[in-house]
PDB file of N, CA and C in Angstrom:
ATOM      1  N   MET A   1     110.238  94.437 100.295  1.00  0.00           N
ATOM      2  CA  MET A   1     109.000  95.070 100.031  1.00  0.00           C
ATOM      3  C   MET A   1     108.278  94.491  98.800  1.00  0.00           C
ATOM      4  N   PRO A   2     107.037  93.592  98.511  1.00  0.00           N
ATOM      5  CA  PRO A   2     106.506  93.351  97.569  1.00  0.00           C
ATOM      6  C   PRO A   2     105.870  94.409  96.527  1.00  0.00           C
ATOM      7  N   VAL A   3     106.352  94.172  95.423  1.00  0.00           N
ATOM      8  CA  VAL A   3     105.869  94.959  94.326  1.00  0.00           C
ATOM      9  C   VAL A   3     104.582  94.587  93.712  1.00  0.00           C
ATOM     10  N   ILE A   4     104.216  93.341  93.852  1.00  0.00           N
ATOM     11  CA  ILE A   4     103.286  92.574  93.139  1.00  0.00           C
ATOM     12  C   ILE A   4     102.390  92.066  94.032  1.00  0.00           C
ATOM     13  N   ALA A   5     101.113  92.130  94.123  1.00  0.00           N
ATOM     14  CA  ALA A   5     100.180  91.565  94.735  1.00  0.00           C
ATOM     15  C   ALA A   5      99.115  90.826  94.426  1.00  0.00           C
ATOM     16  N   ILE A   6      99.200  89.661  94.631  1.00  0.00           N
ATOM     17  CA  ILE A   6      98.263  88.399  93.941  1.00  0.00           C
ATOM     18  C   ILE A   6      97.154  88.101  95.012  1.00  0.00           C
ATOM     19  N   ILE A   7      96.159  88.549  94.621  1.00  0.00           N
ATOM     20  CA  ILE A   7      94.890  87.971  95.438  1.00  0.00           C
ATOM     21  C   ILE A   7      94.115  87.292  94.464  1.00  0.00           C
ATOM     22  N   SER A   8      93.759  86.265  95.522  1.00  0.00           N
ATOM     23  CA  SER A   8      93.142  85.320  94.791  1.00  0.00           C
ATOM     24  C   SER A   8      91.504  85.014  95.820  1.00  0.00           C
ATOM     25  N   GLY A   9      90.648  84.849  94.850  1.00  0.00           N
ATOM     26  CA  GLY A   9      89.424  85.066  95.547  1.00  0.00           C
ATOM     27  C   GLY A   9      88.972  83.621  96.534  1.00  0.00           C
ATOM     28  N   SER A  10      89.408  82.768  96.348  1.00  0.00           N
ATOM     29  CA  SER A  10      89.528  81.278  97.006  1.00  0.00           C
ATOM     30  C   SER A  10      90.925  80.536  96.990  1.00  0.00           C
ATOM     31  N   THR A  11      90.834  79.910  98.306  1.00  0.00           N
ATOM     32  CA  THR A  11      91.960  78.621  98.232  1.00  0.00           C
ATOM     33  C   THR A  11      91.860  77.743  96.986  1.00  0.00           C
ATOM     34  N   SER A  12      90.499  77.703  96.432  1.00  0.00           N
ATOM     35  CA  SER A  12      90.785  76.590  95.380  1.00  0.00           C
ATOM     36  C   SER A  12      91.351  77.100  94.098  1.00  0.00           C
ATOM     37  N   ASP A  13      91.856  78.336  94.111  1.00  0.00           N
ATOM     38  CA  ASP A  13      92.773  79.061  92.717  1.00  0.00           C
ATOM     39  C   ASP A  13      94.020  78.623  93.196  1.00  0.00           C
ATOM     40  N   ALA A  14      94.204  77.945  93.811  1.00  0.00           N
ATOM     41  CA  ALA A  14      95.981  77.740  94.255  1.00  0.00           C
ATOM     42  C   ALA A  14      96.733  77.363  93.148  1.00  0.00           C
ATOM     43  N   HIS A  15      96.186  76.454  92.170  1.00  0.00           N
ATOM     44  CA  HIS A  15      96.803  76.294  91.183  1.00  0.00           C
ATOM     45  C   HIS A  15      97.160  76.907  90.302  1.00  0.00           C
ATOM     46  N   ILE A  16      96.482  77.948  90.077  1.00  0.00           N
ATOM     47  CA  ILE A  16      97.114  79.093  88.879  1.00  0.00           C
ATOM     48  C   ILE A  16      97.952  80.322  89.759  1.00  0.00           C
ATOM     49  N   VAL A  17      97.328  80.229  90.888  1.00  0.00           N
ATOM     50  CA  VAL A  17      98.300  81.149  91.642  1.00  0.00           C
ATOM     51  C   VAL A  17      99.970  80.827  91.553  1.00  0.00           C
ATOM     52  N   GLU A  18      99.992  79.207  91.458  1.00  0.00           N
ATOM     53  CA  GLU A  18     101.494  78.806  91.265  1.00  0.00           C
ATOM     54  C   GLU A  18     101.924  79.094  90.016  1.00  0.00           C
ATOM     55  N   LYS A  19     101.076  79.389  89.224  1.00  0.00           N
ATOM     56  CA  LYS A  19     101.365  79.438  87.942  1.00  0.00           C
ATOM     57  C   LYS A  19     101.850  80.757  87.726  1.00  0.00           C
ATOM     58  N   VAL A  20     101.529  81.911  88.472  1.00  0.00           N
ATOM     59  CA  VAL A  20     102.234  83.504  88.667  1.00  0.00           C
ATOM     60  C   VAL A  20     103.314  83.221  89.809  1.00  0.00           C
ATOM     61  N   THR A  21     103.384  82.856  90.691  1.00  0.00           N
ATOM     62  CA  THR A  21     104.507  82.596  91.271  1.00  0.00           C
ATOM     63  C   THR A  21     105.709  82.232  91.095  1.00  0.00           C
ATOM     64  N   LYS A  22     105.502  80.865  90.404  1.00  0.00           N
ATOM     65  CA  LYS A  22     106.592  80.400  89.596  1.00  0.00           C
ATOM     66  C   LYS A  22     107.311  80.986  88.403  1.00  0.00           C
ATOM     67  N   ILE A  23     106.753  82.103  87.849  1.00  0.00           N
ATOM     68  CA  ILE A  23     107.367  83.292  87.141  1.00  0.00           C
ATOM     69  C   ILE A  23     108.023  83.890  87.799  1.00  0.00           C
ATOM     70  N   LEU A  24     107.112  84.564  89.090  1.00  0.00           N
ATOM     71  CA  LEU A  24     108.009  85.619  89.474  1.00  0.00           C
ATOM     72  C   LEU A  24     109.047  85.384  90.165  1.00  0.00           C
ATOM     73  N   ASP A  25     109.251  84.090  90.898  1.00  0.00           N
ATOM     74  CA  ASP A  25     110.201  83.526  91.258  1.00  0.00           C
ATOM     75  C   ASP A  25     111.362  83.304  90.425  1.00  0.00           C
ATOM     76  N   GLU A  26     110.928  82.858  89.366  1.00  0.00           N
ATOM     77  CA  GLU A  26     112.068  82.668  87.874  1.00  0.00           C
ATOM     78  C   GLU A  26     112.772  84.002  87.901  1.00  0.00           C
ATOM     79  N   HIS A  27     111.803  85.030  88.007  1.00  0.00           N
ATOM     80  CA  HIS A  27     112.693  86.388  87.530  1.00  0.00           C
ATOM     81  C   HIS A  27     113.156  87.566  88.677  1.00  0.00           C
ATOM     82  N   LYS A  28     112.903  86.622  89.792  1.00  0.00           N
ATOM     83  CA  LYS A  28     113.480  87.421  91.193  1.00  0.00           C
ATOM     84  C   LYS A  28     112.355  88.388  91.348  1.00  0.00           C
ATOM     85  N   ILE A  29     111.025  88.541  91.624  1.00  0.00           N
ATOM     86  CA  ILE A  29     110.207  89.467  91.731  1.00  0.00           C
ATOM     87  C   ILE A  29     109.558  89.550  92.722  1.00  0.00           C
ATOM     88  N   PRO A  30     109.869  90.365  93.788  1.00  0.00           N
ATOM     89  CA  PRO A  30     108.990  90.072  95.240  1.00  0.00           C
ATOM     90  C   PRO A  30     107.585  90.191  95.212  1.00  0.00           C
ATOM     91  N   TYR A  31     106.723  89.460  95.754  1.00  0.00           N
ATOM     92  CA  TYR A  31     105.491  89.421  95.749  1.00  0.00           C
ATOM     93  C   TYR A  31     104.679  88.892  97.166  1.00  0.00           C
ATOM     94  N   GLU A  32     103.740  89.037  97.088  1.00  0.00           N
ATOM     95  CA  GLU A  32     102.889  88.295  98.240  1.00  0.00           C
ATOM     96  C   GLU A  32     101.577  87.934  97.895  1.00  0.00           C
ATOM     97  N   HIS A  33     100.934  86.957  98.428  1.00  0.00           N
ATOM     98  CA  HIS A  33      99.378  86.409  97.905  1.00  0.00           C
ATOM     99  C   HIS A  33      98.664  86.293  99.046  1.00  0.00           C
ATOM    100  N   GLN A  34      97.503  87.081  98.903  1.00  0.00           N
ATOM    101  CA  GLN A  34      96.385  86.881  99.977  1.00  0.00           C
ATOM    102  C   GLN A  34      95.300  86.091  99.328  1.00  0.00           C
ATOM    103  N   VAL A  35      94.367  85.549  99.978  1.00  0.00           N
ATOM    104  CA  VAL A  35      93.143  85.070  99.540  1.00  0.00           C
ATOM    105  C   VAL A  35      92.351  86.076 100.405  1.00  0.00           C
ATOM    106  N   ILE A  36      91.147  86.757  99.317  1.00  0.00           N
ATOM    107  CA  ILE A  36      90.324  87.322  99.963  1.00  0.00           C
ATOM    108  C   ILE A  36      89.359  87.443  98.979  1.00  0.00           C
ATOM    109  N   SER A  37      87.967  87.143  99.117  1.00  0.00           N
ATOM    110  CA  SER A  37      86.938  87.313  98.255  1.00  0.00           C
ATOM    111  C   SER A  37      86.382  88.602  98.165  1.00  0.00           C
ATOM    112  N   ALA A  38      85.941  89.093  96.960  1.00  0.00           N
ATOM    113  CA  ALA A  38      85.426  90.581  96.992  1.00  0.00           C
ATOM    114  C   ALA A  38      83.783  90.400  97.572  1.00  0.00           C
ATOM    115  N   HIS A  39      83.335  89.263  97.616  1.00  0.00           N
ATOM    116  CA  HIS A  39      81.888  88.874  97.860  1.00  0.00           C
ATOM    117  C   HIS A  39      82.232  88.597  99.607  1.00  0.00           C
ATOM    118  N   ARG A  40      82.756  87.749 100.106  1.00  0.00           N
ATOM    119  CA  ARG A  40      82.597  87.244 101.451  1.00  0.00           C
ATOM    120  C   ARG A  40      83.122  88.237 102.137  1.00  0.00           C
ATOM    121  N   ASP A  41      84.403  88.838 101.861  1.00  0.00           N
ATOM    122  CA  ASP A  41      85.132  89.808 102.646  1.00  0.00           C
ATOM    123  C   ASP A  41      85.530  91.276 102.377  1.00  0.00           C
ATOM    124  N   PRO A  42      84.634  92.075 101.875  1.00  0.00           N
ATOM    125  CA  PRO A  42      84.630  93.439 101.238  1.00  0.00           C
ATOM    126  C   PRO A  42      85.644  94.316 102.273  1.00  0.00           C
ATOM    127  N   GLU A  43      85.561  94.127 103.239  1.00  0.00           N
ATOM    128  CA  GLU A  43      86.183  94.942 104.382  1.00  0.00           C
ATOM    129  C   GLU A  43      87.791  94.662 104.328  1.00  0.00           C
ATOM    130  N   LYS A  44      87.702  93.298 104.236  1.00  0.00           N
ATOM    131  CA  LYS A  44      89.094  92.854 104.356  1.00  0.00           C
ATOM    132  C   LYS A  44      89.994  93.229 103.210  1.00  0.00           C
ATOM    133  N   LEU A  45      89.227  92.872 102.130  1.00  0.00           N
ATOM    134  CA  LEU A  45      89.762  93.743 100.881  1.00  0.00           C
ATOM    135  C   LEU A  45      90.058  95.087 100.775  1.00  0.00           C
ATOM    136  N   ASP A  46      89.057  95.773 101.412  1.00  0.00           N
ATOM    137  CA  ASP A  46      89.718  97.115 101.480  1.00  0.00           C
ATOM    138  C   ASP A  46      90.532  97.671 102.241  1.00  0.00           C
ATOM    139  N   ALA A  47      90.842  96.954 103.342  1.00  0.00           N
ATOM    140  CA  ALA A  47      91.837  97.317 104.263  1.00  0.00           C
ATOM    141  C   ALA A  47      93.173  96.885 103.612  1.00  0.00           C
ATOM    142  N   TYR A  48      93.197  95.626 103.027  1.00  0.00           N
ATOM    143  CA  TYR A  48      94.468  95.175 102.546  1.00  0.00           C
ATOM    144  C   TYR A  48      94.741  96.176 101.144  1.00  0.00           C
ATOM    145  N   LEU A  49      93.876  96.819 100.355  1.00  0.00           N
ATOM    146  CA  LEU A  49      94.085  97.610  99.254  1.00  0.00           C
ATOM    147  C   LEU A  49      94.858  98.693  99.798  1.00  0.00           C
ATOM    148  N   LYS A  50      94.221  99.042 100.914  1.00  0.00           N
ATOM    149  CA  LYS A  50      94.551 100.333 101.259  1.00  0.00           C
ATOM    150  C   LYS A  50      96.055 100.540 102.283  1.00  0.00           C
ATOM    151  N   LYS A  51      96.406  99.460 102.572  1.00  0.00           N
ATOM    152  CA  LYS A  51      97.824  99.478 103.191  1.00  0.00           C
ATOM    153  C   LYS A  51      98.571  98.962 102.217  1.00  0.00           C
ATOM    154  N   SER A  52      98.519  98.071 101.157  1.00  0.00           N
ATOM    155  CA  SER A  52      99.228  97.571 100.099  1.00  0.00           C
ATOM    156  C   SER A  52     100.333  98.745  99.554  1.00  0.00           C
ATOM    157  N   LYS A  53     101.682  98.291  99.697  1.00  0.00           N
ATOM    158  CA  LYS A  53     102.492  99.296  98.993  1.00  0.00           C
ATOM    159  C   LYS A  53     103.084  98.494  97.129  1.00  0.00           C
ATOM    160  N   ALA A  54     102.179  97.657  96.896  1.00  0.00           N
ATOM    161  CA  ALA A  54     102.293  96.838  95.710  1.00  0.00           C
ATOM    162  C   ALA A  54     102.241  98.145  94.440  1.00  0.00           C
ATOM    163  N   LYS A  55     102.792  97.867  93.429  1.00  0.00           N
ATOM    164  CA  LYS A  55     102.406  98.507  92.630  1.00  0.00           C
ATOM    165  C   LYS A  55     101.902  98.203  91.282  1.00  0.00           C
ATOM    166  N   ILE A  56     101.406  96.612  91.324  1.00  0.00           N
ATOM    167  CA  ILE A  56     100.950  96.279  90.486  1.00  0.00           C
ATOM    168  C   ILE A  56      99.883  94.748  91.069  1.00  0.00           C
ATOM    169  N   PHE A  57      98.658  94.809  91.096  1.00  0.00           N
ATOM    170  CA  PHE A  57      97.737  93.822  91.521  1.00  0.00           C
ATOM    171  C   PHE A  57      97.353  92.515  90.481  1.00  0.00           C
ATOM    172  N   ILE A  58      97.484  91.442  90.965  1.00  0.00           N
ATOM    173  CA  ILE A  58      97.345  90.473  90.131  1.00  0.00           C
ATOM    174  C   ILE A  58      96.092  89.759  90.448  1.00  0.00           C
ATOM    175  N   ALA A  59      94.755  89.379  90.163  1.00  0.00           N
ATOM    176  CA  ALA A  59      93.619  89.180  90.568  1.00  0.00           C
ATOM    177  C   ALA A  59      93.190  88.002  90.113  1.00  0.00           C
ATOM    178  N   VAL A  60      93.019  86.744  90.699  1.00  0.00           N
ATOM    179  CA  VAL A  60      92.900  85.665  90.218  1.00  0.00           C
ATOM    180  C   VAL A  60      91.401  84.875  90.457  1.00  0.00           C
ATOM    181  N   ALA A  61      90.243  84.942  89.643  1.00  0.00           N
ATOM    182  CA  ALA A  61      89.076  84.702  90.156  1.00  0.00           C
ATOM    183  C   ALA A  61      88.254  83.677  89.244  1.00  0.00           C
ATOM    184  N   GLY A  62      87.273  83.053  89.739  1.00  0.00           N
ATOM    185  CA  GLY A  62      86.568  82.320  89.233  1.00  0.00           C
ATOM    186  C   GLY A  62      85.251  82.488  89.067  1.00  0.00           C
ATOM    187  N   MET A  63      84.231  81.856  88.580  1.00  0.00           N
ATOM    188  CA  MET A  63      82.574  82.203  88.603  1.00  0.00           C
ATOM    189  C   MET A  63      82.702  83.678  88.502  1.00  0.00           C
ATOM    190  N   SER A  64      81.952  84.446  88.981  1.00  0.00           N
ATOM    191  CA  SER A  64      81.277  85.621  88.730  1.00  0.00           C
ATOM    192  C   SER A  64      82.469  86.644  88.621  1.00  0.00           C
ATOM    193  N   ALA A  65      83.831  86.057  89.055  1.00  0.00           N
ATOM    194  CA  ALA A  65      85.205  86.782  88.801  1.00  0.00           C
ATOM    195  C   ALA A  65      85.095  88.421  89.109  1.00  0.00           C
ATOM    196  N   ALA A  66      84.250  88.983  90.324  1.00  0.00           N
ATOM    197  CA  ALA A  66      84.014  90.464  90.499  1.00  0.00           C
ATOM    198  C   ALA A  66      85.788  90.866  91.339  1.00  0.00           C
ATOM    199  N   LEU A  67      86.170  90.016  91.723  1.00  0.00           N
ATOM    200  CA  LEU A  67      87.562  90.541  92.458  1.00  0.00           C
ATOM    201  C   LEU A  67      88.273  91.324  91.797  1.00  0.00           C
ATOM    202  N   PRO A  68      88.701  91.136  90.249  1.00  0.00           N
ATOM    203  CA  PRO A  68      89.365  91.872  89.598  1.00  0.00           C
ATOM    204  C   PRO A  68      88.670  93.737  89.354  1.00  0.00           C
ATOM    205  N   GLY A  69      87.728  93.495  89.001  1.00  0.00           N
ATOM    206  CA  GLY A  69      87.203  94.966  89.062  1.00  0.00           C
ATOM    207  C   GLY A  69      86.782  95.560  90.088  1.00  0.00           C
ATOM    208  N   VAL A  70      86.684  94.811  91.407  1.00  0.00           N
ATOM    209  CA  VAL A  70      86.295  95.539  92.610  1.00  0.00           C
ATOM    210  C   VAL A  70      87.811  96.365  92.895  1.00  0.00           C
ATOM    211  N   ILE A  71      89.002  95.632  92.774  1.00  0.00           N
ATOM    212  CA  ILE A  71      89.929  96.040  93.063  1.00  0.00           C
ATOM    213  C   ILE A  71      90.587  97.216  92.127  1.00  0.00           C
ATOM    214  N   ALA A  72      90.211  97.098  90.800  1.00  0.00           N
ATOM    215  CA  ALA A  72      90.238  98.289  89.969  1.00  0.00           C
ATOM    216  C   ALA A  72      89.403  99.594  90.517  1.00  0.00           C
ATOM    217  N   SER A  73      88.665  99.127  90.623  1.00  0.00           N
ATOM    218  CA  SER A  73      87.533 100.567  90.859  1.00  0.00           C
ATOM    219  C   SER A  73      87.959 101.055  92.655  1.00  0.00           C
ATOM    220  N   LYS A  74      88.986 100.233  92.939  1.00  0.00           N
ATOM    221  CA  LYS A  74      89.353 101.262  94.734  1.00  0.00           C
ATOM    222  C   LYS A  74      90.967 101.446  94.413  1.00  0.00           C
ATOM    223  N   THR A  75      91.800 101.449  93.510  1.00  0.00           N
ATOM    224  CA  THR A  75      92.849 101.914  93.103  1.00  0.00           C
ATOM    225  C   THR A  75      93.257 102.306  91.779  1.00  0.00           C
ATOM    226  N   ASP A  76      94.445 103.156  91.499  1.00  0.00           N
ATOM    227  CA  ASP A  76      94.765 103.469  90.253  1.00  0.00           C
ATOM    228  C   ASP A  76      95.962 102.656  89.671  1.00  0.00           C
ATOM    229  N   LYS A  77      96.259 101.626  90.535  1.00  0.00           N
ATOM    230  CA  LYS A  77      97.564 100.861  90.109  1.00  0.00           C
ATOM    231  C   LYS A  77      97.151 100.093  89.279  1.00  0.00           C
ATOM    232  N   PRO A  78      97.691  99.613  88.305  1.00  0.00           N
ATOM    233  CA  PRO A  78      97.399  98.216  87.252  1.00  0.00           C
ATOM    234  C   PRO A  78      96.693  97.254  87.801  1.00  0.00           C
ATOM    235  N   VAL A  79      95.753  96.657  87.249  1.00  0.00           N
ATOM    236  CA  VAL A  79      94.882  95.325  87.962  1.00  0.00           C
ATOM    237  C   VAL A  79      95.025  94.579  86.659  1.00  0.00           C
ATOM    238  N   ILE A  80      95.362  93.315  86.761  1.00  0.00           N
ATOM    239  CA  ILE A  80      95.576  91.923  85.818  1.00  0.00           C
ATOM    240  C   ILE A  80      94.409  90.941  86.174  1.00  0.00           C
ATOM    241  N   GLY A  81      93.724  90.818  85.452  1.00  0.00           N
ATOM    242  CA  GLY A  81      92.314  89.535  85.942  1.00  0.00           C
ATOM    243  C   GLY A  81      92.849  88.267  85.404  1.00  0.00           C
ATOM    244  N   VAL A  82      92.850  87.285  85.960  1.00  0.00           N
ATOM    245  CA  VAL A  82      93.165  85.885  85.446  1.00  0.00           C
ATOM    246  C   VAL A  82      91.703  85.133  85.903  1.00  0.00           C
ATOM    247  N   PRO A  83      91.200  85.044  84.806  1.00  0.00           N
ATOM    248  CA  PRO A  83      89.695  84.231  85.104  1.00  0.00           C
ATOM    249  C   PRO A  83      90.240  82.676  84.933  1.00  0.00           C
ATOM    250  N   VAL A  84      89.367  82.194  85.936  1.00  0.00           N
ATOM    251  CA  VAL A  84      89.426  80.821  86.348  1.00  0.00           C
ATOM    252  C   VAL A  84      88.538  79.655  85.669  1.00  0.00           C
ATOM    253  N   SER A  85      88.931  78.663  84.874  1.00  0.00           N
ATOM    254  CA  SER A  85      87.882  77.771  84.185  1.00  0.00           C
ATOM    255  C   SER A  85      87.162  77.248  85.697  1.00  0.00           C
ATOM    256  N   GLY A  86      85.842  77.056  85.138  1.00  0.00           N
ATOM    257  CA  GLY A  86      84.978  76.368  86.094  1.00  0.00           C
ATOM    258  C   GLY A  86      83.900  75.818  85.511  1.00  0.00           C
ATOM    259  N   LYS A  87      82.744  75.640  86.421  1.00  0.00           N
ATOM    260  CA  LYS A  87      81.262  75.486  86.031  1.00  0.00           C
ATOM    261  C   LYS A  87      80.772  75.913  84.433  1.00  0.00           C
ATOM    262  N   LEU A  88      81.379  76.711  84.135  1.00  0.00           N
ATOM    263  CA  LEU A  88      81.128  76.975  82.667  1.00  0.00           C
ATOM    264  C   LEU A  88      82.177  77.228  81.829  1.00  0.00           C
ATOM    265  N   GLY A  89      82.975  76.650  82.299  1.00  0.00           N
ATOM    266  CA  GLY A  89      84.278  76.328  81.182  1.00  0.00           C
ATOM    267  C   GLY A  89      85.032  77.677  81.465  1.00  0.00           C
ATOM    268  N   GLY A  90      84.701  78.369  82.435  1.00  0.00           N
ATOM    269  CA  GLY A  90      85.589  79.591  83.012  1.00  0.00           C
ATOM    270  C   GLY A  90      84.854  81.078  81.866  1.00  0.00           C
ATOM    271  N   PHE A  91      84.302  80.810  81.054  1.00  0.00           N
ATOM    272  CA  PHE A  91      83.504  81.520  80.184  1.00  0.00           C
ATOM    273  C   PHE A  91      82.926  82.696  81.118  1.00  0.00           C
ATOM    274  N   ASP A  92      81.970  82.139  82.378  1.00  0.00           N
ATOM    275  CA  ASP A  92      81.671  83.360  82.907  1.00  0.00           C
ATOM    276  C   ASP A  92      82.533  84.326  83.496  1.00  0.00           C
ATOM    277  N   ALA A  93      83.862  83.773  83.890  1.00  0.00           N
ATOM    278  CA  ALA A  93      84.864  84.607  84.476  1.00  0.00           C
ATOM    279  C   ALA A  93      85.379  85.017  83.663  1.00  0.00           C
ATOM    280  N   LEU A  94      85.679  84.934  82.144  1.00  0.00           N
ATOM    281  CA  LEU A  94      86.201  85.615  81.492  1.00  0.00           C
ATOM    282  C   LEU A  94      85.459  86.882  81.007  1.00  0.00           C
ATOM    283  N   LEU A  95      84.276  86.750  80.344  1.00  0.00           N
ATOM    284  CA  LEU A  95      83.346  87.652  80.787  1.00  0.00           C
ATOM    285  C   LEU A  95      83.193  88.868  81.672  1.00  0.00           C
ATOM    286  N   SER A  96      83.085  88.225  82.683  1.00  0.00           N
ATOM    287  CA  SER A  96      83.201  89.086  83.822  1.00  0.00           C
ATOM    288  C   SER A  96      84.161  90.110  84.070  1.00  0.00           C
ATOM    289  N   ILE A  97      85.611  89.876  83.769  1.00  0.00           N
ATOM    290  CA  ILE A  97      86.770  90.321  83.902  1.00  0.00           C
ATOM    291  C   ILE A  97      86.866  91.401  82.774  1.00  0.00           C
ATOM    292  N   ALA A  98      86.542  90.635  81.388  1.00  0.00           N
ATOM    293  CA  ALA A  98      86.652  91.509  80.311  1.00  0.00           C
ATOM    294  C   ALA A  98      85.847  92.602  79.862  1.00  0.00           C
ATOM    295  N   GLN A  99      84.470  92.219  80.689  1.00  0.00           N
ATOM    296  CA  GLN A  99      83.682  93.705  80.153  1.00  0.00           C
ATOM    297  C   GLN A  99      83.156  94.827  81.425  1.00  0.00           C
ATOM    298  N   MET A 100      84.621  95.115  81.622  1.00  0.00           N
ATOM    299  CA  MET A 100      84.474  96.049  83.063  1.00  0.00           C
ATOM    300  C   MET A 100      83.709  97.410  82.209  1.00  0.00           C
ATOM    301  N   PRO A 101      83.508  98.283  83.238  1.00  0.00           N
ATOM    302  CA  PRO A 101      82.667  99.475  82.547  1.00  0.00           C
ATOM    303  C   PRO A 101      83.681 100.295  82.353  1.00  0.00           C
ATOM    304  N   LYS A 102      83.360 101.537  81.765  1.00  0.00           N
ATOM    305  CA  LYS A 102      84.479 102.871  81.619  1.00  0.00           C
ATOM    306  C   LYS A 102      84.636 103.174  82.973  1.00  0.00           C
ATOM    307  N   GLY A 103      85.914 103.444  83.203  1.00  0.00           N
ATOM    308  CA  GLY A 103      86.502 104.102  84.061  1.00  0.00           C
ATOM    309  C   GLY A 103      86.867 102.786  85.204  1.00  0.00           C
ATOM    310  N   VAL A 104      87.015 101.522  84.771  1.00  0.00           N
ATOM    311  CA  VAL A 104      87.337 100.562  85.827  1.00  0.00           C
ATOM    312  C   VAL A 104      88.114  99.730  84.935  1.00  0.00           C
ATOM    313  N   PRO A 105      89.489 100.203  84.373  1.00  0.00           N
ATOM    314  CA  PRO A 105      90.297  99.193  83.589  1.00  0.00           C
ATOM    315  C   PRO A 105      91.104  98.014  84.386  1.00  0.00           C
ATOM    316  N   VAL A 106      90.780  96.998  83.375  1.00  0.00           N
ATOM    317  CA  VAL A 106      91.131  95.690  83.985  1.00  0.00           C
ATOM    318  C   VAL A 106      92.075  94.924  82.650  1.00  0.00           C
ATOM    319  N   ALA A 107      93.031  94.555  83.028  1.00  0.00           N
ATOM    320  CA  ALA A 107      94.058  93.940  81.945  1.00  0.00           C
ATOM    321  C   ALA A 107      93.375  92.671  82.063  1.00  0.00           C
ATOM    322  N   CYS A 108      93.054  91.644  80.857  1.00  0.00           N
ATOM    323  CA  CYS A 108      92.310  90.218  81.290  1.00  0.00           C
ATOM    324  C   CYS A 108      93.086  89.286  80.468  1.00  0.00           C
ATOM    325  N   VAL A 109      93.924  88.441  80.816  1.00  0.00           N
ATOM    326  CA  VAL A 109      94.674  87.357  80.181  1.00  0.00           C
ATOM    327  C   VAL A 109      93.775  86.120  80.097  1.00  0.00           C
ATOM    328  N   ALA A 110      94.313  84.935  79.441  1.00  0.00           N
ATOM    329  CA  ALA A 110      93.435  83.603  79.131  1.00  0.00           C
ATOM    330  C   ALA A 110      92.814  83.185  80.304  1.00  0.00           C
ATOM    331  N   LEU A 111      92.163  82.350  79.941  1.00  0.00           N
ATOM    332  CA  LEU A 111      91.547  81.332  80.832  1.00  0.00           C
ATOM    333  C   LEU A 111      92.917  80.880  81.584  1.00  0.00           C
ATOM    334  N   ASP A 112      93.025  80.671  82.905  1.00  0.00           N
ATOM    335  CA  ASP A 112      93.876  80.188  83.713  1.00  0.00           C
ATOM    336  C   ASP A 112      95.424  80.450  83.521  1.00  0.00           C
ATOM    337  N   GLY A 113      95.419  81.629  82.911  1.00  0.00           N
ATOM    338  CA  GLY A 113      96.674  82.190  82.290  1.00  0.00           C
ATOM    339  C   GLY A 113      97.537  82.945  83.299  1.00  0.00           C
ATOM    340  N   GLY A 114      97.890  82.148  84.495  1.00  0.00           N
ATOM    341  CA  GLY A 114      98.724  82.924  85.339  1.00  0.00           C
ATOM    342  C   GLY A 114      99.876  83.046  85.094  1.00  0.00           C
ATOM    343  N   GLU A 115     100.397  82.448  84.061  1.00  0.00           N
ATOM    344  CA  GLU A 115     101.868  82.829  83.602  1.00  0.00           C
ATOM    345  C   GLU A 115     101.891  84.237  82.614  1.00  0.00           C
ATOM    346  N   ASN A 116     101.003  84.201  82.121  1.00  0.00           N
ATOM    347  CA  ASN A 116     100.470  85.611  81.434  1.00  0.00           C
ATOM    348  C   ASN A 116     100.759  86.724  82.113  1.00  0.00           C
ATOM    349  N   ALA A 117      99.681  86.182  83.193  1.00  0.00           N
ATOM    350  CA  ALA A 117      99.965  87.507  84.081  1.00  0.00           C
ATOM    351  C   ALA A 117     100.938  87.911  84.677  1.00  0.00           C
ATOM    352  N   ALA A 118     101.778  86.785  85.114  1.00  0.00           N
ATOM    353  CA  ALA A 118     103.116  87.272  85.619  1.00  0.00           C
ATOM    354  C   ALA A 118     103.861  88.116  84.764  1.00  0.00           C
ATOM    355  N   LEU A 119     103.934  87.471  83.378  1.00  0.00           N
ATOM    356  CA  LEU A 119     104.693  88.121  82.596  1.00  0.00           C
ATOM    357  C   LEU A 119     104.309  89.730  82.095  1.00  0.00           C
ATOM    358  N   LEU A 120     102.997  90.284  82.081  1.00  0.00           N
ATOM    359  CA  LEU A 120     102.386  91.110  81.509  1.00  0.00           C
ATOM    360  C   LEU A 120     102.765  92.063  83.123  1.00  0.00           C
ATOM    361  N   ALA A 121     102.727  91.453  84.192  1.00  0.00           N
ATOM    362  CA  ALA A 121     103.250  92.346  85.184  1.00  0.00           C
ATOM    363  C   ALA A 121     104.469  92.773  85.029  1.00  0.00           C
ATOM    364  N   ILE A 122     105.410  91.795  84.877  1.00  0.00           N
ATOM    365  CA  ILE A 122     107.025  92.230  84.993  1.00  0.00           C
ATOM    366  C   ILE A 122     106.980  93.248  83.333  1.00  0.00           C
ATOM    367  N   ARG A 123     105.957  93.254  82.497  1.00  0.00           N
ATOM    368  CA  ARG A 123     107.156  93.990  81.228  1.00  0.00           C
ATOM    369  C   ARG A 123     106.301  95.633  81.945  1.00  0.00           C
ATOM    370  N   ILE A 124     104.891  95.498  82.651  1.00  0.00           N
ATOM    371  CA  ILE A 124     104.656  96.707  82.928  1.00  0.00           C
ATOM    372  C   ILE A 124     105.816  97.209  84.188  1.00  0.00           C
ATOM    373  N   LEU A 125     106.152  96.745  84.941  1.00  0.00           N
ATOM    374  CA  LEU A 125     107.156  96.972  85.811  1.00  0.00           C
ATOM    375  C   LEU A 125     108.541  97.237  85.440  1.00  0.00           C
ATOM    376  N   SER A 126     108.627  96.917  83.895  1.00  0.00           N
ATOM    377  CA  SER A 126     109.970  97.316  83.452  1.00  0.00           C
ATOM    378  C   SER A 126     109.935  98.561  82.382  1.00  0.00           C
ATOM    379  N   LEU A 127     108.723  99.196  82.580  1.00  0.00           N
ATOM    380  CA  LEU A 127     108.628 100.660  81.951  1.00  0.00           C
ATOM    381  C   LEU A 127     109.321 102.016  82.851  1.00  0.00           C
ATOM    382  N   LYS A 128     109.412 101.434  84.021  1.00  0.00           N
ATOM    383  CA  LYS A 128     110.294 102.630  84.977  1.00  0.00           C
ATOM    384  C   LYS A 128     111.515 102.284  85.468  1.00  0.00           C
TER     385      LYS A 128
END
């Protein structure tokens, strides 16, 4: 059973997802990856979050990067956002993830920081 769920908003984020999975594979942490857009597939995202047994969500998103915040608004599990560089150098995604309103906590790693997202998830898991 996967303990970490990686959700990316688009297949174009695959190069960042690979950074996450490489670290998780090295540490033998079970995970699963889904491509689900918070904007284009909100019902699919809701259904996935309801059935997922993951303990931590890593959300990889660029542009408006709503995905991590939407996930955090629907779960009480830790959410780590990975902003993806894009047309505005990723600054838009970084701000979207870092500027969550009170009550919607999302940890934010560096632009394209898939490795740190995986390492942070592993540290969170080590608390239990």
